[in-house]
Amino acid sequence: MHELSVAMSIVESVEEETHRAGGSSVSEIVLEIGILSGIIREALDFALEEAIKGTILQEADIRIEEIPGIAKCSSCGTEFRTGDHFTICPECMNPYTDIIQGKEMKIKSIKIAFK
């Protein structure tokens, strides 16, 4: 389950940022995760729940914002929503499209508490 390693990396990054800012704990984390990122949401939720135990994030509210997939046709330039990495352009039926949104995975914001 690679979601556990992703969760551990998130915890590590948030802890580092919190210590750098001089904070004592974290009350909220907002993550942005694209539907084409390869992350299974339920597995990440479970992994994060376990990964934050005993850390400065253990009381944090973790919110995940889902980023939709958007592709762009390499022939006609049409942009369209997609839930797949290999989607044919709905306008010109060109099979060559580029994913321009939906593969992201980032920490959008952290609410740090100070003593």
C-alpha atoms as a PDB file:
ATOM      1  CA  MET A   1       0.000   0.000   0.000  1.00  0.00           C
ATOM      2  CA  HIS A   2       1.856   3.088  -1.181  1.00  0.00           C
ATOM      3  CA  GLU A   3      -0.730   5.293   0.542  1.00  0.00           C
ATOM      4  CA  LEU A   4       1.018   4.553   3.855  1.00  0.00           C
ATOM      5  CA  SER A   5       4.316   5.944   2.547  1.00  0.00           C
ATOM      6  CA  VAL A   6       2.423   8.957   1.167  1.00  0.00           C
ATOM      7  CA  ALA A   7       0.763   9.483   4.576  1.00  0.00           C
ATOM      8  CA  MET A   8       4.118   9.229   6.359  1.00  0.00           C
ATOM      9  CA  SER A   9       5.626  11.792   3.957  1.00  0.00           C
ATOM     10  CA  ILE A  10       2.721  14.165   4.600  1.00  0.00           C
ATOM     11  CA  VAL A  11       3.156  13.828   8.367  1.00  0.00           C
ATOM     12  CA  GLU A  12       6.911  14.376   8.082  1.00  0.00           C
ATOM     13  CA  SER A  13       6.491  17.467   5.884  1.00  0.00           C
ATOM     14  CA  VAL A  14       3.836  18.993   8.138  1.00  0.00           C
ATOM     15  CA  GLU A  15       5.905  18.314  11.266  1.00  0.00           C
ATOM     16  CA  GLU A  16       8.963  19.952   9.683  1.00  0.00           C
ATOM     17  CA  GLU A  17       6.957  23.015   8.659  1.00  0.00           C
ATOM     18  CA  THR A  18       5.348  23.264  12.089  1.00  0.00           C
ATOM     19  CA  HIS A  19       8.721  23.099  13.872  1.00  0.00           C
ATOM     20  CA  ARG A  20      10.201  25.617  11.423  1.00  0.00           C
ATOM     21  CA  ALA A  21       7.355  28.024  12.252  1.00  0.00           C
ATOM     22  CA  GLY A  22       7.793  27.456  15.996  1.00  0.00           C
ATOM     23  CA  GLY A  23       4.392  25.811  16.387  1.00  0.00           C
ATOM     24  CA  SER A  24       3.384  23.281  18.993  1.00  0.00           C
ATOM     25  CA  SER A  25       0.618  21.378  17.177  1.00  0.00           C
ATOM     26  CA  VAL A  26      -1.506  21.308  14.047  1.00  0.00           C
ATOM     27  CA  SER A  27      -5.268  21.858  14.075  1.00  0.00           C
ATOM     28  CA  GLU A  28      -6.024  21.431  10.373  1.00  0.00           C
ATOM     29  CA  ILE A  29      -4.436  20.165   7.178  1.00  0.00           C
ATOM     30  CA  VAL A  30      -5.958  20.617   3.739  1.00  0.00           C
ATOM     31  CA  LEU A  31      -4.692  18.342   0.972  1.00  0.00           C
ATOM     32  CA  GLU A  32      -5.368  18.613  -2.752  1.00  0.00           C
ATOM     33  CA  ILE A  33      -5.401  15.261  -4.497  1.00  0.00           C
ATOM     34  CA  GLY A  34      -6.196  14.740  -8.154  1.00  0.00           C
ATOM     35  CA  ILE A  35      -8.462  11.900  -9.189  1.00  0.00           C
ATOM     36  CA  LEU A  36      -5.751  10.740 -11.612  1.00  0.00           C
ATOM     37  CA  SER A  37      -2.970  10.730  -8.990  1.00  0.00           C
ATOM     38  CA  GLY A  38      -3.219   6.997  -8.365  1.00  0.00           C
ATOM     39  CA  ILE A  39      -4.115   7.546  -4.716  1.00  0.00           C
ATOM     40  CA  ILE A  40      -6.991   5.486  -3.339  1.00  0.00           C
ATOM     41  CA  ARG A  41      -8.865   7.899  -1.096  1.00  0.00           C
ATOM     42  CA  GLU A  42     -10.107   5.339   1.434  1.00  0.00           C
ATOM     43  CA  ALA A  43      -6.634   3.821   1.780  1.00  0.00           C
ATOM     44  CA  LEU A  44      -5.094   7.276   2.299  1.00  0.00           C
ATOM     45  CA  ASP A  45      -7.733   8.161   4.914  1.00  0.00           C
ATOM     46  CA  PHE A  46      -6.896   4.989   6.840  1.00  0.00           C
ATOM     47  CA  ALA A  47      -3.136   5.469   6.457  1.00  0.00           C
ATOM     48  CA  LEU A  48      -3.319   9.088   7.649  1.00  0.00           C
ATOM     49  CA  GLU A  49      -5.413   8.074  10.643  1.00  0.00           C
ATOM     50  CA  GLU A  50      -2.660   5.676  11.679  1.00  0.00           C
ATOM     51  CA  ALA A  51       0.271   7.907  10.703  1.00  0.00           C
ATOM     52  CA  ILE A  52      -0.809  10.879  12.840  1.00  0.00           C
ATOM     53  CA  LYS A  53      -1.117   8.859  16.065  1.00  0.00           C
ATOM     54  CA  GLY A  54       1.353  10.103  18.663  1.00  0.00           C
ATOM     55  CA  THR A  55       2.418  13.099  16.553  1.00  0.00           C
ATOM     56  CA  ILE A  56       1.719  16.818  16.730  1.00  0.00           C
ATOM     57  CA  LEU A  57      -0.967  16.147  14.106  1.00  0.00           C
ATOM     58  CA  GLN A  58      -2.984  13.675  16.182  1.00  0.00           C
ATOM     59  CA  GLU A  59      -5.791  16.172  16.852  1.00  0.00           C
ATOM     60  CA  ALA A  60      -5.746  17.716  13.370  1.00  0.00           C
ATOM     61  CA  ASP A  61      -8.786  17.850  11.133  1.00  0.00           C
ATOM     62  CA  ILE A  62      -7.620  16.485   7.778  1.00  0.00           C
ATOM     63  CA  ARG A  63      -9.583  17.649   4.747  1.00  0.00           C
ATOM     64  CA  ILE A  64      -9.016  16.362   1.243  1.00  0.00           C
ATOM     65  CA  GLU A  65     -10.097  18.409  -1.753  1.00  0.00           C
ATOM     66  CA  GLU A  66     -10.499  16.342  -4.888  1.00  0.00           C
ATOM     67  CA  ILE A  67      -9.113  17.843  -8.103  1.00  0.00           C
ATOM     68  CA  PRO A  68     -10.940  16.722 -11.263  1.00  0.00           C
ATOM     69  CA  GLY A  69      -9.100  15.338 -14.256  1.00  0.00           C
ATOM     70  CA  ILE A  70      -8.800  17.598 -17.279  1.00  0.00           C
ATOM     71  CA  ALA A  71      -7.201  16.603 -20.569  1.00  0.00           C
ATOM     72  CA  LYS A  72      -6.243  18.675 -23.614  1.00  0.00           C
ATOM     73  CA  CYS A  73      -6.325  17.371 -27.151  1.00  0.00           C
ATOM     74  CA  SER A  74      -2.952  17.593 -28.865  1.00  0.00           C
ATOM     75  CA  SER A  75      -4.670  18.089 -32.225  1.00  0.00           C
ATOM     76  CA  CYS A  76      -7.576  20.531 -31.800  1.00  0.00           C
ATOM     77  CA  GLY A  77      -6.732  21.941 -28.349  1.00  0.00           C
ATOM     78  CA  THR A  78     -10.078  21.053 -26.791  1.00  0.00           C
ATOM     79  CA  GLU A  79      -9.971  20.783 -23.001  1.00  0.00           C
ATOM     80  CA  PHE A  80     -12.343  18.288 -21.381  1.00  0.00           C
ATOM     81  CA  ARG A  81     -12.961  16.493 -18.105  1.00  0.00           C
ATOM     82  CA  THR A  82     -11.715  12.953 -17.818  1.00  0.00           C
ATOM     83  CA  GLY A  83     -11.535  10.222 -15.222  1.00  0.00           C
ATOM     84  CA  ASP A  84      -8.977   8.267 -17.202  1.00  0.00           C
ATOM     85  CA  HIS A  85      -5.397   8.746 -18.404  1.00  0.00           C
ATOM     86  CA  PHE A  86      -6.255   7.602 -21.914  1.00  0.00           C
ATOM     87  CA  THR A  87      -9.358   9.380 -23.163  1.00  0.00           C
ATOM     88  CA  ILE A  88     -10.132  10.152 -26.791  1.00  0.00           C
ATOM     89  CA  CYS A  89     -10.947  13.777 -27.595  1.00  0.00           C
ATOM     90  CA  PRO A  90     -14.743  14.174 -27.704  1.00  0.00           C
ATOM     91  CA  GLU A  91     -14.480  16.823 -30.455  1.00  0.00           C
ATOM     92  CA  CYS A  92     -12.131  15.356 -33.067  1.00  0.00           C
ATOM     93  CA  MET A  93     -11.721  11.762 -31.790  1.00  0.00           C
ATOM     94  CA  ASN A  94      -7.928  12.161 -31.613  1.00  0.00           C
ATOM     95  CA  PRO A  95      -6.467   9.530 -29.254  1.00  0.00           C
ATOM     96  CA  TYR A  96      -3.516  11.757 -28.303  1.00  0.00           C
ATOM     97  CA  THR A  97      -4.361  13.929 -25.330  1.00  0.00           C
ATOM     98  CA  ASP A  98      -2.345  15.363 -22.452  1.00  0.00           C
ATOM     99  CA  ILE A  99      -3.490  15.363 -18.850  1.00  0.00           C
ATOM    100  CA  ILE A 100      -3.254  18.987 -17.681  1.00  0.00           C
ATOM    101  CA  GLN A 101      -4.966  18.601 -14.300  1.00  0.00           C
ATOM    102  CA  GLY A 102      -5.820  15.796 -11.923  1.00  0.00           C
ATOM    103  CA  LYS A 103      -2.461  14.187 -11.150  1.00  0.00           C
ATOM    104  CA  GLU A 104      -1.653  16.663  -8.360  1.00  0.00           C
ATOM    105  CA  MET A 105      -1.050  15.738  -4.776  1.00  0.00           C
ATOM    106  CA  LYS A 106      -0.047  18.551  -2.451  1.00  0.00           C
ATOM    107  CA  ILE A 107      -0.455  20.045   0.970  1.00  0.00           C
ATOM    108  CA  LYS A 108      -2.597  23.097   0.341  1.00  0.00           C
ATOM    109  CA  SER A 109      -2.633  24.551   3.848  1.00  0.00           C
ATOM    110  CA  ILE A 110      -1.679  23.880   7.450  1.00  0.00           C
ATOM    111  CA  LYS A 111      -3.189  25.545  10.530  1.00  0.00           C
ATOM    112  CA  ILE A 112      -0.475  25.610  13.158  1.00  0.00           C
ATOM    113  CA  ALA A 113      -1.190  26.183  16.840  1.00  0.00           C
ATOM    114  CA  PHE A 114       1.294  28.016  19.044  1.00  0.00           C
ATOM    115  CA  LYS A 115       1.653  27.672  22.824  1.00  0.00           C
END
